[in-house]
């Protein structure tokens, strides 16, 4: 049993590990770029804001107004601004520079349905004394006027949808 056993190395004398080989480095860079690309696409898609319609914007502004803490004068100025912006866009009118009575007159001339005109007329005529005569409005009246304005905007949107579906 005097034979000597010779052990052979598995690797060559000049073995380079896998992570030092060129193909591995190229694959690592490509995978990293692919991962960064996916992250960029994901962030860009998440950061895009949905475009809200005028109707949705107005309702969101009214909801924000409901949860804000405003005195009655500020509240009614903001409420009429939201309503005038919505009516201006829906009926292609310039109502921002008009007084509340001029707004009522213009929407009557526009041929808007009577229930809408009546609802808007009730709201705007009650708001004038609060905005300009420094009359204090109770919290219940403010909530009621906010509901009326929301109802008016929803009703106008509903009527517009019916009008557009009838013409199709």
Protein backbone atom coordinates (compact mmCIF):
# COMPACT_ATOMS: atom_id res chain seq x y z
CA UNK A 1 0.00 0.00 0.00
CA UNK A 2 2.72 2.24 -0.80
CA UNK A 3 1.04 3.76 -3.70
CA UNK A 4 0.75 7.44 -3.66
CA UNK A 5 -2.59 8.99 -4.42
CA UNK A 6 -2.47 12.04 -6.53
CA UNK A 7 -5.15 14.73 -6.07
CA UNK A 8 -6.02 16.91 -9.05
CA UNK A 9 -7.30 20.47 -8.78
CA UNK A 10 -10.77 21.09 -10.08
CA UNK A 11 -9.91 24.45 -11.52
CA UNK A 12 -7.22 25.75 -13.72
CA UNK A 13 -4.39 27.61 -12.16
CA UNK A 14 -5.72 30.93 -13.47
CA UNK A 15 -9.40 30.66 -12.61
CA UNK A 16 -11.47 33.89 -12.50
CA UNK A 17 -14.63 33.82 -10.43
CA UNK A 18 -18.01 34.23 -12.10
CA UNK A 19 -18.61 37.76 -10.77
CA UNK A 20 -15.35 38.93 -12.36
CA UNK A 21 -16.22 37.65 -15.81
CA UNK A 22 -17.39 40.08 -18.47
CA UNK A 23 -20.69 38.35 -19.32
CA UNK A 24 -21.76 38.46 -15.66
CA UNK A 25 -21.02 42.20 -15.37
CA UNK A 26 -22.96 42.91 -18.58
CA UNK A 27 -25.96 40.90 -17.33
CA UNK A 28 -25.84 42.66 -13.96
CA UNK A 29 -25.85 46.10 -15.62
CA UNK A 30 -28.73 45.13 -17.93
CA UNK A 31 -30.82 43.77 -15.05
CA UNK A 32 -30.12 46.91 -13.01
CA UNK A 33 -31.17 49.15 -15.90
CA UNK A 34 -34.31 47.09 -16.42
CA UNK A 35 -35.19 47.40 -12.72
CA UNK A 36 -34.61 51.15 -12.71
CA UNK A 37 -36.75 51.43 -15.85
CA UNK A 38 -39.63 49.57 -14.19
CA UNK A 39 -39.38 51.80 -11.13
CA UNK A 40 -39.43 54.97 -13.25
CA UNK A 41 -42.46 53.79 -15.22
CA UNK A 42 -44.27 52.87 -12.01
CA UNK A 43 -43.56 56.24 -10.37
CA UNK A 44 -44.61 58.18 -13.48
CA UNK A 45 -47.88 56.29 -13.78
CA UNK A 46 -48.67 56.74 -10.09
CA UNK A 47 -47.88 60.45 -10.13
CA UNK A 48 -50.22 61.26 -13.00
CA UNK A 49 -53.33 62.86 -11.66
CA UNK A 50 -56.64 61.95 -13.09
CA UNK A 51 -58.25 64.72 -15.04
CA UNK A 52 -61.48 65.56 -13.31
CA UNK A 53 -64.45 66.78 -15.25
CA UNK A 54 -65.90 70.19 -14.49
CA UNK A 55 -68.75 68.50 -12.66
CA UNK A 56 -66.38 66.49 -10.46
CA UNK A 57 -64.20 69.54 -9.81
CA UNK A 58 -67.19 71.59 -8.72
CA UNK A 59 -68.47 68.87 -6.41
CA UNK A 60 -64.98 68.46 -4.92
CA UNK A 61 -64.77 72.20 -4.30
CA UNK A 62 -68.19 72.16 -2.63
CA UNK A 63 -67.16 69.25 -0.44
CA UNK A 64 -63.99 71.07 0.50
CA UNK A 65 -66.08 74.13 1.32
CA UNK A 66 -68.30 72.03 3.56
CA UNK A 67 -65.37 70.92 5.68
CA UNK A 68 -63.66 74.30 5.81
CA UNK A 69 -64.06 76.78 8.64
CA UNK A 70 -65.24 80.03 7.09
CA UNK A 71 -67.27 82.91 8.37
CA UNK A 72 -70.56 83.40 6.57
CA UNK A 73 -69.29 86.16 4.28
CA UNK A 74 -66.30 84.13 3.03
CA UNK A 75 -68.45 81.04 2.72
CA UNK A 76 -71.00 82.73 0.46
CA UNK A 77 -68.35 84.41 -1.69
CA UNK A 78 -66.71 81.04 -2.29
CA UNK A 79 -70.07 79.36 -2.89
CA UNK A 80 -71.13 81.91 -5.52
CA UNK A 81 -67.69 81.72 -7.16
CA UNK A 82 -67.99 77.94 -7.52
CA UNK A 83 -71.52 78.24 -8.88
CA UNK A 84 -70.60 81.02 -11.33
CA UNK A 85 -67.58 79.07 -12.61
CA UNK A 86 -69.72 76.01 -13.19
CA UNK A 87 -72.50 77.93 -14.93
CA UNK A 88 -69.97 79.87 -17.02
CA UNK A 89 -68.39 76.70 -18.30
CA UNK A 90 -71.61 74.77 -18.82
CA UNK A 91 -73.45 77.48 -20.72
CA UNK A 92 -70.47 79.36 -22.25
CA UNK A 93 -71.27 82.57 -20.40
CA UNK A 94 -69.04 85.13 -18.74
CA UNK A 95 -70.53 85.25 -15.26
CA UNK A 96 -67.45 85.90 -13.13
CA UNK A 97 -67.62 89.67 -13.50
CA UNK A 98 -71.40 89.84 -13.14
CA UNK A 99 -73.44 90.61 -10.06
CA UNK A 100 -75.83 88.01 -8.72
CA UNK A 101 -78.84 89.77 -10.25
CA UNK A 102 -77.10 89.96 -13.63
CA UNK A 103 -76.33 86.25 -13.38
CA UNK A 104 -80.01 85.48 -12.80
CA UNK A 105 -80.98 87.69 -15.73
CA UNK A 106 -78.43 86.05 -18.05
CA UNK A 107 -79.41 82.48 -17.20
CA UNK A 108 -83.07 83.35 -17.76
CA UNK A 109 -82.17 84.74 -21.19
CA UNK A 110 -80.15 81.61 -21.96
CA UNK A 111 -83.28 79.48 -21.90
CA UNK A 112 -82.25 77.30 -18.98
CA UNK A 113 -85.08 75.20 -17.56
CA UNK A 114 -87.30 76.86 -14.96
CA UNK A 115 -86.48 74.61 -11.96
CA UNK A 116 -82.79 75.33 -12.33
CA UNK A 117 -83.35 79.08 -12.67
CA UNK A 118 -85.67 79.08 -9.66
CA UNK A 119 -83.19 77.17 -7.53
CA UNK A 120 -80.29 79.44 -8.49
CA UNK A 121 -82.42 82.54 -8.02
CA UNK A 122 -83.39 81.46 -4.49
CA UNK A 123 -79.77 80.83 -3.56
CA UNK A 124 -78.30 83.99 -5.05
CA UNK A 125 -80.97 86.33 -3.73
CA UNK A 126 -80.47 85.05 -0.19
CA UNK A 127 -76.70 85.32 -0.44
CA UNK A 128 -76.61 89.00 -1.38
CA UNK A 129 -77.54 90.24 2.08
CA UNK A 130 -74.94 88.03 3.72
CA UNK A 131 -72.16 89.05 1.33
CA UNK A 132 -72.75 92.78 1.21
CA UNK A 133 -74.96 93.84 4.14
CA UNK A 134 -72.89 91.92 6.70
CA UNK A 135 -75.90 89.94 7.77
CA UNK A 136 -74.87 86.87 9.71
CA UNK A 137 -75.99 83.53 8.36
CA UNK A 138 -76.66 80.66 10.67
CA UNK A 139 -74.84 77.38 10.30
CA UNK A 140 -78.07 75.64 9.27
CA UNK A 141 -78.68 78.18 6.52
CA UNK A 142 -75.12 77.76 5.24
CA UNK A 143 -75.51 73.97 5.15
CA UNK A 144 -78.87 74.32 3.42
CA UNK A 145 -77.44 76.68 0.78
CA UNK A 146 -74.51 74.34 0.23
CA UNK A 147 -76.96 71.47 -0.33
CA UNK A 148 -78.96 73.65 -2.75
CA UNK A 149 -75.85 74.52 -4.70
CA UNK A 150 -74.81 70.86 -4.85
CA UNK A 151 -78.32 69.92 -5.94
CA UNK A 152 -78.29 72.62 -8.63
CA UNK A 153 -74.96 71.46 -10.04
CA UNK A 154 -76.09 67.81 -10.04
CA UNK A 155 -79.37 68.74 -11.69
CA UNK A 156 -77.66 70.85 -14.37
CA UNK A 157 -75.24 68.00 -15.09
CA UNK A 158 -78.15 65.54 -15.28
CA UNK A 159 -80.07 67.79 -17.70
CA UNK A 160 -76.97 68.29 -19.87
CA UNK A 161 -76.45 64.54 -20.05
CA UNK A 162 -80.07 64.04 -21.07
CA UNK A 163 -79.78 66.75 -23.72
CA UNK A 164 -76.62 65.24 -25.20
CA UNK A 165 -78.06 61.71 -25.17
CA UNK A 166 -81.23 62.93 -26.93
CA UNK A 167 -79.22 64.48 -29.74
CA UNK A 168 -77.30 61.26 -30.35
